[in-house]
């Protein structure tokens, strides 16, 4: 056993804990299908979103952890339930009136309101693949329509027909009285209208592999359950997919725990082992309320990527997946700085600590070196003090602080500088509120300005921090936090900020003295 595998067998990092469940699953013999199958599901009635990213990213982390523990090959299947019927027209698409005509058709038969693909399902599937591809995920795409129509599910659909009563016995207690009266796990695709019909199953013929149902006009119709003539209700469908494909591992949100429990029962009825399941907590908005796609109260992935790298988002997804977390724009700076702190720590860590380091899981054991010689939080304060409108302005200050740094040699820093400008202008600038200093604060600021004008110590962040600290002590601030808070509120228009010595080193000693001048003259509060 290699040192890596030996250390991974005892690592407490959650992806390794999850991966060890899969190792145990096949400790006696490898899977007959020849690989371990990871799955993520996607409903293509809407566009991919930050939750889609999180589920694929986290599943990939477990997959890579398993590969460090086992020689069994792996696959990741991203499954699109594109045979589902269109129940309502989304509010964020063009040509909504045209889509109204396609209600209840399978998504792969609904016209594409964007006019770019043969169907709405195909359009959203293409968006999903492009979305996943931009992050470099290693996956295989699967279409429900293709799997049903090609016969990939036929064997298991016939098994569902055989186990109809047992599946109904699982499902009916979970439904309301009115729903129970008409429920069937099979949804016929009407040969008359093409609609996905929510109708009772009137008869079953196991020998012919068919069901009989009544069309809305009352005509009784017999159709096979195979070949794409029916699809299953989504909970039995989820279970059937696990059974038919031999899914070994799947994640789902906490809200789907009851559905997963139902699916596990149905999977066992179909005679197949259930996957190893992992439920994660849902995200909260800035007010601590659950994020709702219909409310639009969450942070979109496009917004995150406007202000930070996808790796910082992966770090956010990695951290405490079982805990509810605020997914709000104000968590972004901390995520960026923590990501780079983990990158910097990695080279000097022991193997055990590396396996606990999130960047091992973000980069599959091959994390890059960080070139962030300036923290992201400091870049934000620089953008604020300098009123930066573009990266070029930021680099003018960065080069003075770190002469060896350049956009060409420090691409992560260059990207972060651009993100900081966007974040400052969109999120910080509109909320900045400067205040005038109190008389005691004004005296301390004047003293700090004088010491800066006489400073001979260069851009030594620690020495400058000590000097700022001493000014606060000399002016009687019993709690030095009050002194630093005054610096932030008076000079930067914020209630909190960076280590001020580091800020002076980056922004410039003379520039900081000039900033104090403007504050004492009242020009910042004008």
Protein backbone atom coordinates (compact mmCIF):
# COMPACT_ATOMS: atom_id res chain seq x y z
CA UNK A 1 0.00 0.00 0.00
CA UNK A 2 1.38 3.40 -0.97
CA UNK A 3 1.91 6.11 1.64
CA UNK A 4 -0.84 8.15 0.01
CA UNK A 5 -3.34 5.30 0.21
CA UNK A 6 -2.35 4.47 3.75
CA UNK A 7 -2.85 8.08 4.85
CA UNK A 8 -6.10 8.37 2.91
CA UNK A 9 -7.51 5.32 4.70
CA UNK A 10 -7.53 7.25 7.98
CA UNK A 11 -8.00 10.85 6.77
CA UNK A 12 -10.87 12.69 8.42
CA UNK A 13 -11.49 14.90 5.39
CA UNK A 14 -15.13 14.31 4.51
CA UNK A 15 -14.51 13.21 0.87
CA UNK A 16 -12.25 10.42 2.17
CA UNK A 17 -14.83 9.44 4.76
CA UNK A 18 -17.38 9.16 1.97
CA UNK A 19 -14.97 7.33 -0.33
CA UNK A 20 -14.25 4.72 2.34
CA UNK A 21 -17.94 3.76 2.30
CA UNK A 22 -17.50 2.86 -1.37
CA UNK A 23 -14.30 0.96 -0.64
CA UNK A 24 -16.19 -1.07 1.94
CA UNK A 25 -19.01 -1.65 -0.55
CA UNK A 26 -16.61 -3.55 -2.80
CA UNK A 27 -14.08 -4.91 -0.31
CA UNK A 28 -15.10 -8.53 -1.05
CA UNK A 29 -15.28 -8.30 -4.82
CA UNK A 30 -15.23 -5.54 -7.46
CA UNK A 31 -18.46 -4.44 -9.19
CA UNK A 32 -19.64 -6.72 -11.99
CA UNK A 33 -20.05 -3.74 -14.29
CA UNK A 34 -16.32 -3.09 -13.93
CA UNK A 35 -16.44 0.41 -12.46
CA UNK A 36 -17.90 2.48 -9.63
CA UNK A 37 -20.65 4.78 -10.88
CA UNK A 38 -21.17 8.24 -9.45
CA UNK A 39 -24.32 10.09 -10.53
CA UNK A 40 -25.71 13.60 -10.35
CA UNK A 41 -29.21 14.47 -11.54
CA UNK A 42 -30.48 17.57 -13.29
CA UNK A 43 -33.96 18.81 -14.16
CA UNK A 44 -33.68 20.64 -17.49
CA UNK A 45 -36.87 22.67 -17.13
CA UNK A 46 -34.55 25.45 -15.92
CA UNK A 47 -30.98 26.57 -16.50
CA UNK A 48 -28.00 25.20 -14.53
CA UNK A 49 -27.26 27.15 -11.36
CA UNK A 50 -24.89 27.35 -8.43
CA UNK A 51 -26.45 24.28 -6.81
CA UNK A 52 -25.69 22.29 -9.97
CA UNK A 53 -22.06 23.35 -9.69
CA UNK A 54 -21.95 22.43 -6.02
CA UNK A 55 -23.35 18.96 -6.52
CA UNK A 56 -20.98 18.09 -9.38
CA UNK A 57 -17.98 19.65 -7.60
CA UNK A 58 -18.62 17.79 -4.35
CA UNK A 59 -19.30 14.51 -6.12
CA UNK A 60 -16.06 14.93 -8.05
CA UNK A 61 -14.20 15.44 -4.76
CA UNK A 62 -15.52 12.11 -3.45
CA UNK A 63 -14.69 10.44 -6.76
CA UNK A 64 -11.08 11.65 -6.63
CA UNK A 65 -10.80 10.57 -3.00
CA UNK A 66 -12.04 7.10 -3.97
CA UNK A 67 -9.50 6.91 -6.78
CA UNK A 68 -6.75 7.58 -4.22
CA UNK A 69 -8.05 4.62 -2.19
CA UNK A 70 -8.90 2.08 -4.89
CA UNK A 71 -7.80 0.86 -8.31
CA UNK A 72 -11.40 0.24 -9.42
CA UNK A 73 -12.21 2.51 -12.40
CA UNK A 74 -14.83 5.23 -11.91
CA UNK A 75 -17.37 7.08 -14.02
CA UNK A 76 -19.44 10.18 -13.31
CA UNK A 77 -22.81 10.34 -15.03
CA UNK A 78 -24.64 13.67 -15.20
CA UNK A 79 -28.21 12.61 -15.87
CA UNK A 80 -30.79 14.96 -17.35
CA UNK A 81 -34.45 14.15 -16.69
CA UNK A 82 -35.40 15.65 -20.05
CA UNK A 83 -38.37 13.36 -20.68
CA UNK A 84 -40.35 15.04 -17.93
CA UNK A 85 -43.43 16.97 -19.04
CA UNK A 86 -43.39 20.78 -19.13
CA UNK A 87 -45.70 21.65 -16.24
CA UNK A 88 -45.42 25.43 -16.40
CA UNK A 89 -43.72 27.98 -18.61
CA UNK A 90 -40.58 29.44 -17.00
CA UNK A 91 -40.68 33.17 -16.41
CA UNK A 92 -37.15 33.82 -17.70
CA UNK A 93 -37.48 32.65 -21.33
CA UNK A 94 -38.57 34.44 -24.52
CA UNK A 95 -41.64 33.50 -26.58
CA UNK A 96 -43.55 32.36 -23.52
CA UNK A 97 -46.85 32.44 -25.41
CA UNK A 98 -45.55 29.80 -27.83
CA UNK A 99 -44.45 27.58 -24.96
CA UNK A 100 -47.95 27.66 -23.54
CA UNK A 101 -48.97 25.54 -26.54
CA UNK A 102 -46.44 22.86 -25.51
CA UNK A 103 -47.47 22.36 -21.90
CA UNK A 104 -47.37 18.69 -20.81
CA UNK A 105 -45.14 17.65 -23.70
CA UNK A 106 -41.83 15.98 -22.79
CA UNK A 107 -39.12 18.64 -22.58
CA UNK A 108 -37.39 17.10 -25.59
CA UNK A 109 -40.55 17.72 -27.64
CA UNK A 110 -41.15 21.27 -26.40
CA UNK A 111 -40.09 23.90 -28.94
CA UNK A 112 -36.94 25.82 -28.05
CA UNK A 113 -38.01 29.39 -27.15
CA UNK A 114 -34.47 30.57 -27.95
CA UNK A 115 -34.62 29.09 -31.46
CA UNK A 116 -31.17 27.49 -31.29
CA UNK A 117 -31.92 23.80 -30.74
CA UNK A 118 -34.47 21.22 -31.79
CA UNK A 119 -36.20 21.38 -28.39
CA UNK A 120 -36.24 23.19 -25.06
CA UNK A 121 -34.76 20.10 -23.42
CA UNK A 122 -31.94 19.98 -25.98
CA UNK A 123 -31.26 23.68 -25.42
CA UNK A 124 -31.01 23.31 -21.66
CA UNK A 125 -28.96 20.12 -21.98
CA UNK A 126 -26.50 22.01 -24.17
CA UNK A 127 -26.36 24.75 -21.55
CA UNK A 128 -25.69 22.15 -18.86
CA UNK A 129 -22.83 20.59 -20.81
CA UNK A 130 -21.30 23.98 -21.61
CA UNK A 131 -21.68 24.95 -17.96
CA UNK A 132 -19.89 21.81 -16.73
CA UNK A 133 -17.26 22.00 -19.46
CA UNK A 134 -16.22 25.52 -18.51
CA UNK A 135 -15.11 24.20 -15.13
CA UNK A 136 -13.27 21.22 -16.58
CA UNK A 137 -15.39 18.55 -14.90
CA UNK A 138 -14.78 14.97 -16.07
CA UNK A 139 -18.24 13.52 -16.67
CA UNK A 140 -20.49 11.69 -19.12
CA UNK A 141 -23.79 13.23 -20.09
CA UNK A 142 -26.95 11.10 -20.14
CA UNK A 143 -30.37 11.99 -21.51
CA UNK A 144 -33.47 10.40 -19.99
CA UNK A 145 -35.20 10.55 -23.39
CA UNK A 146 -32.35 8.70 -25.09
CA UNK A 147 -32.12 6.08 -22.35
CA UNK A 148 -35.88 5.40 -22.38
CA UNK A 149 -36.20 5.32 -26.17
CA UNK A 150 -33.08 3.24 -26.81
CA UNK A 151 -34.19 0.47 -24.49
CA UNK A 152 -31.51 1.04 -21.86
CA UNK A 153 -34.23 1.00 -19.19
CA UNK A 154 -36.48 -1.68 -20.71
CA UNK A 155 -35.43 -4.53 -18.42
CA UNK A 156 -35.94 -2.49 -15.30
CA UNK A 157 -39.22 -0.99 -16.57
CA UNK A 158 -40.56 -4.50 -17.01
CA UNK A 159 -39.39 -5.23 -13.47
CA UNK A 160 -41.35 -2.17 -12.31
CA UNK A 161 -44.41 -3.55 -14.07
CA UNK A 162 -43.90 -6.86 -12.28
CA UNK A 163 -43.44 -5.11 -8.92
CA UNK A 164 -46.25 -2.62 -9.52
CA UNK A 165 -48.21 -3.47 -6.37
CA UNK A 166 -45.15 -3.29 -4.14
CA UNK A 167 -44.16 0.07 -5.59
CA UNK A 168 -47.71 1.35 -5.08
CA UNK A 169 -47.59 0.13 -1.47
CA UNK A 170 -44.49 2.28 -0.93
CA UNK A 171 -45.80 5.34 -2.74
CA UNK A 172 -49.47 5.60 -1.71
CA UNK A 173 -48.90 6.29 2.02
CA UNK A 174 -46.78 9.30 1.02
CA UNK A 175 -49.58 10.90 -1.03
CA UNK A 176 -52.67 12.91 -0.20
CA UNK A 177 -56.11 11.32 -0.52
CA UNK A 178 -56.97 12.94 -3.85
CA UNK A 179 -53.57 12.09 -5.37
CA UNK A 180 -53.81 8.47 -4.20
CA UNK A 181 -57.02 8.00 -6.15
CA UNK A 182 -55.33 8.61 -9.52
CA UNK A 183 -51.68 7.76 -8.86
CA UNK A 184 -49.68 5.38 -11.01
CA UNK A 185 -45.89 5.06 -11.17
CA UNK A 186 -46.25 4.90 -14.98
CA UNK A 187 -46.86 8.09 -16.96
CA UNK A 188 -48.06 7.22 -20.48
CA UNK A 189 -46.82 9.34 -23.39
CA UNK A 190 -50.06 9.85 -25.29
CA UNK A 191 -49.86 8.62 -28.91
CA UNK A 192 -52.60 11.15 -29.70
CA UNK A 193 -51.19 14.36 -28.23
CA UNK A 194 -47.67 13.46 -27.17
CA UNK A 195 -48.49 14.67 -23.66
CA UNK A 196 -47.07 13.08 -20.52
CA UNK A 197 -50.29 11.95 -18.84
CA UNK A 198 -50.95 11.81 -15.10
CA UNK A 199 -53.61 9.07 -15.26
CA UNK A 200 -54.37 5.84 -13.39
CA UNK A 201 -53.20 2.48 -14.69
CA UNK A 202 -56.42 0.54 -15.41
CA UNK A 203 -54.93 -2.81 -16.45
CA UNK A 204 -51.50 -4.49 -16.59
CA UNK A 205 -50.38 -7.30 -18.83
CA UNK A 206 -47.06 -8.77 -17.70
CA UNK A 207 -46.73 -11.16 -20.65
CA UNK A 208 -47.10 -8.37 -23.20
CA UNK A 209 -45.31 -5.82 -21.02
CA UNK A 210 -48.15 -3.32 -21.38
CA UNK A 211 -50.49 -1.13 -19.39
CA UNK A 212 -53.97 0.15 -20.21
CA UNK A 213 -55.03 3.70 -19.38
CA UNK A 214 -57.77 6.11 -20.45
CA UNK A 215 -57.07 9.16 -22.60
CA UNK A 216 -58.65 12.46 -21.46
CA UNK A 217 -61.41 11.83 -24.06
CA UNK A 218 -62.18 8.49 -22.40
CA UNK A 219 -60.64 6.17 -25.00
CA UNK A 220 -58.86 3.19 -23.43
CA UNK A 221 -55.35 2.71 -24.80
CA UNK A 222 -52.88 -0.16 -24.32
CA UNK A 223 -49.19 0.71 -24.68
CA UNK A 224 -45.91 -1.00 -23.80
CA UNK A 225 -43.96 0.25 -20.81
CA UNK A 226 -40.76 -0.13 -22.84
CA UNK A 227 -39.22 1.81 -25.72
CA UNK A 228 -40.06 5.30 -24.49
CA UNK A 229 -43.85 4.87 -24.55
CA UNK A 230 -44.05 5.71 -20.84
CA UNK A 231 -41.85 7.32 -18.26
CA UNK A 232 -41.94 6.87 -14.52
CA UNK A 233 -43.02 9.35 -11.87
CA UNK A 234 -39.86 11.02 -10.62
CA UNK A 235 -39.42 9.17 -7.32
CA UNK A 236 -39.83 5.70 -8.86
CA UNK A 237 -37.81 6.98 -11.84
CA UNK A 238 -34.92 7.94 -9.56
CA UNK A 239 -34.97 4.49 -7.96
CA UNK A 240 -35.32 2.70 -11.32
CA UNK A 241 -32.29 4.59 -12.61
CA UNK A 242 -30.21 3.52 -9.62
CA UNK A 243 -31.25 -0.07 -10.22
CA UNK A 244 -30.88 -0.09 -14.02
CA UNK A 245 -27.49 1.61 -14.12
CA UNK A 246 -26.00 0.26 -10.92
CA UNK A 247 -25.44 3.70 -9.41
CA UNK A 248 -23.03 3.44 -6.49
CA UNK A 249 -23.00 7.00 -5.15
CA UNK A 250 -25.27 10.04 -5.34
CA UNK A 251 -25.67 13.27 -3.41
CA UNK A 252 -28.86 15.20 -2.81
CA UNK A 253 -30.08 18.20 -0.87
CA UNK A 254 -31.46 17.85 2.64
CA UNK A 255 -34.93 18.63 1.28
CA UNK A 256 -34.87 15.38 -0.71
CA UNK A 257 -34.14 13.05 2.23
CA UNK A 258 -37.72 11.64 2.28
CA UNK A 259 -37.63 11.13 -1.50
CA UNK A 260 -34.28 9.35 -1.28
CA UNK A 261 -35.63 7.09 1.46
CA UNK A 262 -38.58 6.19 -0.78
CA UNK A 263 -36.21 5.62 -3.69
CA UNK A 264 -34.07 3.29 -1.59
CA UNK A 265 -37.11 1.17 -0.72
CA UNK A 266 -38.17 0.94 -4.37
CA UNK A 267 -34.62 0.10 -5.45
CA UNK A 268 -34.58 -2.82 -3.03
CA UNK A 269 -37.99 -3.97 -4.31
CA UNK A 270 -36.43 -4.03 -7.79
CA UNK A 271 -33.78 -6.37 -6.43
CA UNK A 272 -30.77 -4.07 -6.59
CA UNK A 273 -28.59 -2.50 -3.88
CA UNK A 274 -29.17 1.16 -3.17
CA UNK A 275 -26.39 3.69 -3.79
CA UNK A 276 -24.34 5.19 -1.00
CA UNK A 277 -26.24 8.43 -0.43
CA UNK A 278 -25.01 11.74 1.00
CA UNK A 279 -27.31 14.63 1.83
CA UNK A 280 -26.02 18.18 2.03
CA UNK A 281 -27.52 21.25 3.65
CA UNK A 282 -29.19 23.96 1.62
CA UNK A 283 -27.86 27.49 1.25
CA UNK A 284 -29.18 30.57 3.04
CA UNK A 285 -29.44 34.11 1.70
CA UNK A 286 -28.06 37.25 3.32
CA UNK A 287 -30.97 37.33 5.79
CA UNK A 288 -30.52 33.70 6.81
CA UNK A 289 -33.54 32.52 4.79
CA UNK A 290 -33.45 29.45 2.56
CA UNK A 291 -32.55 30.25 -1.01
CA UNK A 292 -35.41 29.80 -3.46
CA UNK A 293 -35.01 29.78 -7.24
CA UNK A 294 -38.51 31.23 -7.58
CA UNK A 295 -37.70 34.08 -5.18
CA UNK A 296 -34.30 34.70 -6.72
CA UNK A 297 -32.90 35.52 -3.26
CA UNK A 298 -29.61 33.71 -3.72
CA UNK A 299 -26.25 34.39 -5.27
CA UNK A 300 -25.90 33.17 -8.85
CA UNK A 301 -22.79 31.47 -10.14
CA UNK A 302 -22.38 34.27 -12.68
CA UNK A 303 -22.26 36.76 -9.81
CA UNK A 304 -19.65 34.74 -7.92
CA UNK A 305 -17.45 34.43 -11.01
CA UNK A 306 -17.71 38.19 -11.60
CA UNK A 307 -15.95 38.75 -8.29
CA UNK A 308 -13.83 35.63 -7.70
CA UNK A 309 -12.37 32.47 -9.17
CA UNK A 310 -14.21 29.15 -9.55
CA UNK A 311 -11.63 27.60 -7.19
CA UNK A 312 -12.77 29.91 -4.39
CA UNK A 313 -16.33 28.73 -5.05
CA UNK A 314 -15.16 25.12 -4.86
CA UNK A 315 -13.61 25.90 -1.48
CA UNK A 316 -16.95 27.29 -0.32
CA UNK A 317 -18.64 24.08 -1.51
CA UNK A 318 -16.02 21.92 0.19
CA UNK A 319 -16.39 23.49 3.61
CA UNK A 320 -18.93 21.89 5.95
CA UNK A 321 -21.38 20.49 3.38
CA UNK A 322 -23.64 19.29 6.20
CA UNK A 323 -24.03 22.81 7.62
CA UNK A 324 -26.39 25.49 6.33
CA UNK A 325 -24.28 28.38 5.02
CA UNK A 326 -25.02 31.92 3.90
CA UNK A 327 -24.48 32.11 0.16
CA UNK A 328 -24.27 35.88 -0.10
CA UNK A 329 -21.87 38.18 -1.88
CA UNK A 330 -20.16 39.20 1.38
CA UNK A 331 -18.71 35.67 1.84
CA UNK A 332 -16.66 35.96 -1.35
CA UNK A 333 -13.58 37.90 -0.09
CA UNK A 334 -13.07 35.48 2.81
CA UNK A 335 -13.37 32.49 0.46
CA UNK A 336 -10.73 33.92 -1.88
CA UNK A 337 -8.25 34.65 0.90
CA UNK A 338 -8.82 31.29 2.58
CA UNK A 339 -8.27 29.49 -0.72
CA UNK A 340 -4.89 31.15 -1.19
CA UNK A 341 -3.97 30.59 2.47
CA UNK A 342 -4.55 26.87 1.91
CA UNK A 343 -2.44 26.97 -1.27
CA UNK A 344 0.43 28.66 0.57
CA UNK A 345 0.28 26.18 3.44
CA UNK A 346 0.23 23.07 1.24
CA UNK A 347 3.94 22.73 0.24
CA UNK A 348 5.16 22.63 3.86
CA UNK A 349 2.46 20.29 5.16
CA UNK A 350 2.78 16.62 6.05
CA UNK A 351 0.99 14.11 3.82
CA UNK A 352 -1.76 13.74 6.44
CA UNK A 353 -2.29 17.50 6.61
CA UNK A 354 -2.27 17.79 2.83
CA UNK A 355 -5.10 15.28 2.60
CA UNK A 356 -7.08 17.44 5.04
CA UNK A 357 -6.29 20.56 3.06
CA UNK A 358 -9.25 21.57 0.84
CA UNK A 359 -6.96 22.36 -2.10
CA UNK A 360 -6.00 18.66 -2.36
CA UNK A 361 -9.67 17.95 -3.09
CA UNK A 362 -10.20 21.00 -5.30
CA UNK A 363 -7.21 20.10 -7.49
CA UNK A 364 -7.19 16.28 -7.18
CA UNK A 365 -3.91 16.28 -5.29
CA UNK A 366 -2.09 18.66 -7.65
CA UNK A 367 -2.72 22.21 -6.35
CA UNK A 368 -0.86 25.10 -8.01
CA UNK A 369 1.33 27.57 -6.17
CA UNK A 370 -0.35 30.80 -5.09
CA UNK A 371 1.06 34.02 -6.54
CA UNK A 372 -1.19 36.26 -4.40
CA UNK A 373 1.44 38.50 -2.79
CA UNK A 374 -1.44 40.79 -1.79
CA UNK A 375 -4.56 39.37 -0.05
CA UNK A 376 -7.89 39.90 -1.79
CA UNK A 377 -9.25 41.81 1.22
CA UNK A 378 -6.30 44.19 0.90
CA UNK A 379 -6.95 44.63 -2.83
CA UNK A 380 -10.52 45.64 -1.97
CA UNK A 381 -9.31 48.29 0.44
CA UNK A 382 -6.78 49.47 -2.12
CA UNK A 383 -9.56 49.78 -4.71
CA UNK A 384 -11.58 51.74 -2.16
CA UNK A 385 -8.82 54.16 -1.16
CA UNK A 386 -7.64 54.64 -4.75
CA UNK A 387 -11.13 54.84 -6.25
CA UNK A 388 -9.87 52.28 -8.76
CA UNK A 389 -11.91 51.91 -11.93
CA UNK A 390 -9.66 49.36 -13.64
CA UNK A 391 -6.86 46.84 -13.12
CA UNK A 392 -4.19 49.21 -14.44
CA UNK A 393 -4.74 51.55 -11.50
CA UNK A 394 -4.42 48.62 -9.10
CA UNK A 395 -1.18 47.46 -10.68
CA UNK A 396 0.33 50.91 -10.28
CA UNK A 397 0.16 50.41 -6.50
CA UNK A 398 0.93 46.67 -6.53
CA UNK A 399 4.20 47.18 -8.43
CA UNK A 400 5.44 49.69 -5.84
CA UNK A 401 4.65 47.20 -3.05
CA UNK A 402 5.93 44.10 -4.89
CA UNK A 403 8.34 45.21 -7.66
CA UNK A 404 8.82 41.66 -8.94
CA UNK A 405 5.10 41.14 -9.54
CA UNK A 406 3.52 41.59 -12.97
CA UNK A 407 0.31 40.45 -14.67
CA UNK A 408 2.29 38.03 -16.85
CA UNK A 409 4.10 36.35 -13.94
CA UNK A 410 1.29 36.55 -11.38
CA UNK A 411 -1.90 35.57 -13.26
CA UNK A 412 -3.87 34.74 -10.10
CA UNK A 413 -3.07 38.16 -8.65
CA UNK A 414 -3.92 39.82 -11.95
CA UNK A 415 -7.28 38.05 -12.06
CA UNK A 416 -7.93 38.97 -8.42
CA UNK A 417 -7.11 42.63 -9.09
CA UNK A 418 -9.80 42.73 -11.77
CA UNK A 419 -12.25 40.94 -9.51
CA UNK A 420 -11.49 43.39 -6.68
CA UNK A 421 -12.26 46.39 -8.91
CA UNK A 422 -15.58 44.84 -9.95
CA UNK A 423 -16.46 43.88 -6.37
CA UNK A 424 -15.58 47.32 -5.03
CA UNK A 425 -17.57 49.21 -7.66
CA UNK A 426 -20.63 46.93 -7.49
CA UNK A 427 -20.80 45.98 -3.82
CA UNK A 428 -18.65 48.30 -1.69
CA UNK A 429 -18.79 51.73 -3.30
CA UNK A 430 -22.61 52.06 -3.16
CA UNK A 431 -22.60 51.34 0.59
CA UNK A 432 -19.54 53.34 1.68
CA UNK A 433 -20.24 55.83 4.47
CA UNK A 434 -17.45 58.06 5.72
CA UNK A 435 -17.72 59.87 9.03
CA UNK A 436 -15.84 62.79 10.49
CA UNK A 437 -13.37 61.98 13.27
CA UNK A 438 -14.02 62.93 16.88
CA UNK A 439 -11.60 65.50 18.35
CA UNK A 440 -9.57 62.74 20.01
CA UNK A 441 -9.49 60.73 16.78
CA UNK A 442 -8.52 63.83 14.78
CA UNK A 443 -5.57 64.45 17.11
CA UNK A 444 -4.42 60.85 16.73
CA UNK A 445 -4.83 61.01 12.94
CA UNK A 446 -2.80 64.21 12.78
CA UNK A 447 -0.05 62.51 14.80
CA UNK A 448 -0.16 59.47 12.48
CA UNK A 449 0.08 61.77 9.47
CA UNK A 450 3.14 63.51 10.93
CA UNK A 451 4.87 60.20 11.64
CA UNK A 452 4.12 59.04 8.12
CA UNK A 453 5.59 62.21 6.64
CA UNK A 454 8.78 61.54 8.62
CA UNK A 455 8.84 57.78 7.94
CA UNK A 456 12.14 56.37 6.71
CA UNK A 457 11.38 52.66 7.04
CA UNK A 458 10.15 51.88 3.53
CA UNK A 459 7.20 49.56 2.83
CA UNK A 460 7.71 47.41 5.93
CA UNK A 461 4.17 46.31 6.77
CA UNK A 462 5.01 45.03 10.27
CA UNK A 463 6.98 48.14 11.24
CA UNK A 464 4.18 50.34 9.94
CA UNK A 465 1.64 48.29 11.89
CA UNK A 466 3.69 48.76 15.07
CA UNK A 467 3.82 52.51 14.43
CA UNK A 468 0.04 52.74 13.92
CA UNK A 469 -0.44 50.67 17.08
CA UNK A 470 1.84 53.00 19.06
CA UNK A 471 -0.08 56.09 17.91
CA UNK A 472 -3.25 54.56 19.30
CA UNK A 473 -1.59 53.83 22.64
CA UNK A 474 -0.03 57.28 22.86
CA UNK A 475 -3.44 58.88 22.37
CA UNK A 476 -5.10 56.95 25.15
CA UNK A 477 -7.28 54.48 23.26
CA UNK A 478 -8.00 51.98 26.04
CA UNK A 479 -9.28 49.49 23.52
CA UNK A 480 -7.09 49.69 20.42
CA UNK A 481 -9.89 48.12 18.38
CA UNK A 482 -11.65 51.48 18.68
CA UNK A 483 -8.60 53.18 17.16
CA UNK A 484 -8.47 50.82 14.21
CA UNK A 485 -12.23 51.00 13.74
CA UNK A 486 -11.89 54.80 13.57
CA UNK A 487 -9.21 54.44 10.88
CA UNK A 488 -11.51 52.25 8.80
CA UNK A 489 -14.61 54.41 9.22
CA UNK A 490 -12.90 57.76 8.73
CA UNK A 491 -10.41 56.83 5.99
CA UNK A 492 -12.04 53.91 4.16
CA UNK A 493 -15.77 54.41 4.78
CA UNK A 494 -16.15 50.91 6.23
CA UNK A 495 -16.61 49.48 9.73
CA UNK A 496 -13.81 46.94 9.34
CA UNK A 497 -10.73 46.52 7.24
CA UNK A 498 -7.24 45.05 6.84
CA UNK A 499 -4.15 45.17 9.02
CA UNK A 500 -3.53 48.83 8.60
CA UNK A 501 0.23 48.56 8.37
CA UNK A 502 -0.14 46.27 5.39
CA UNK A 503 -2.58 48.69 3.81
CA UNK A 504 -0.11 51.58 4.20
CA UNK A 505 2.66 49.48 2.68
CA UNK A 506 0.49 48.67 -0.34
CA UNK A 507 -1.22 52.04 -0.82
CA UNK A 508 1.93 54.01 -0.03
CA UNK A 509 3.21 55.97 2.97
CA UNK A 510 2.83 59.39 1.33
CA UNK A 511 -0.50 58.42 -0.23
CA UNK A 512 -1.84 57.41 3.21
CA UNK A 513 -0.67 60.71 4.69
CA UNK A 514 -2.51 62.51 1.87
CA UNK A 515 -5.60 60.41 2.59
CA UNK A 516 -5.50 61.54 6.23
CA UNK A 517 -5.21 65.13 4.99
CA UNK A 518 -8.39 64.75 2.97
CA UNK A 519 -10.20 63.19 5.93
CA UNK A 520 -9.14 65.93 8.36
CA UNK A 521 -10.17 68.60 5.86
CA UNK A 522 -13.61 66.99 5.50
CA UNK A 523 -13.18 66.16 1.83
CA UNK A 524 -14.03 62.46 2.26
CA UNK A 525 -17.41 63.22 3.83
CA UNK A 526 -18.43 65.86 1.28
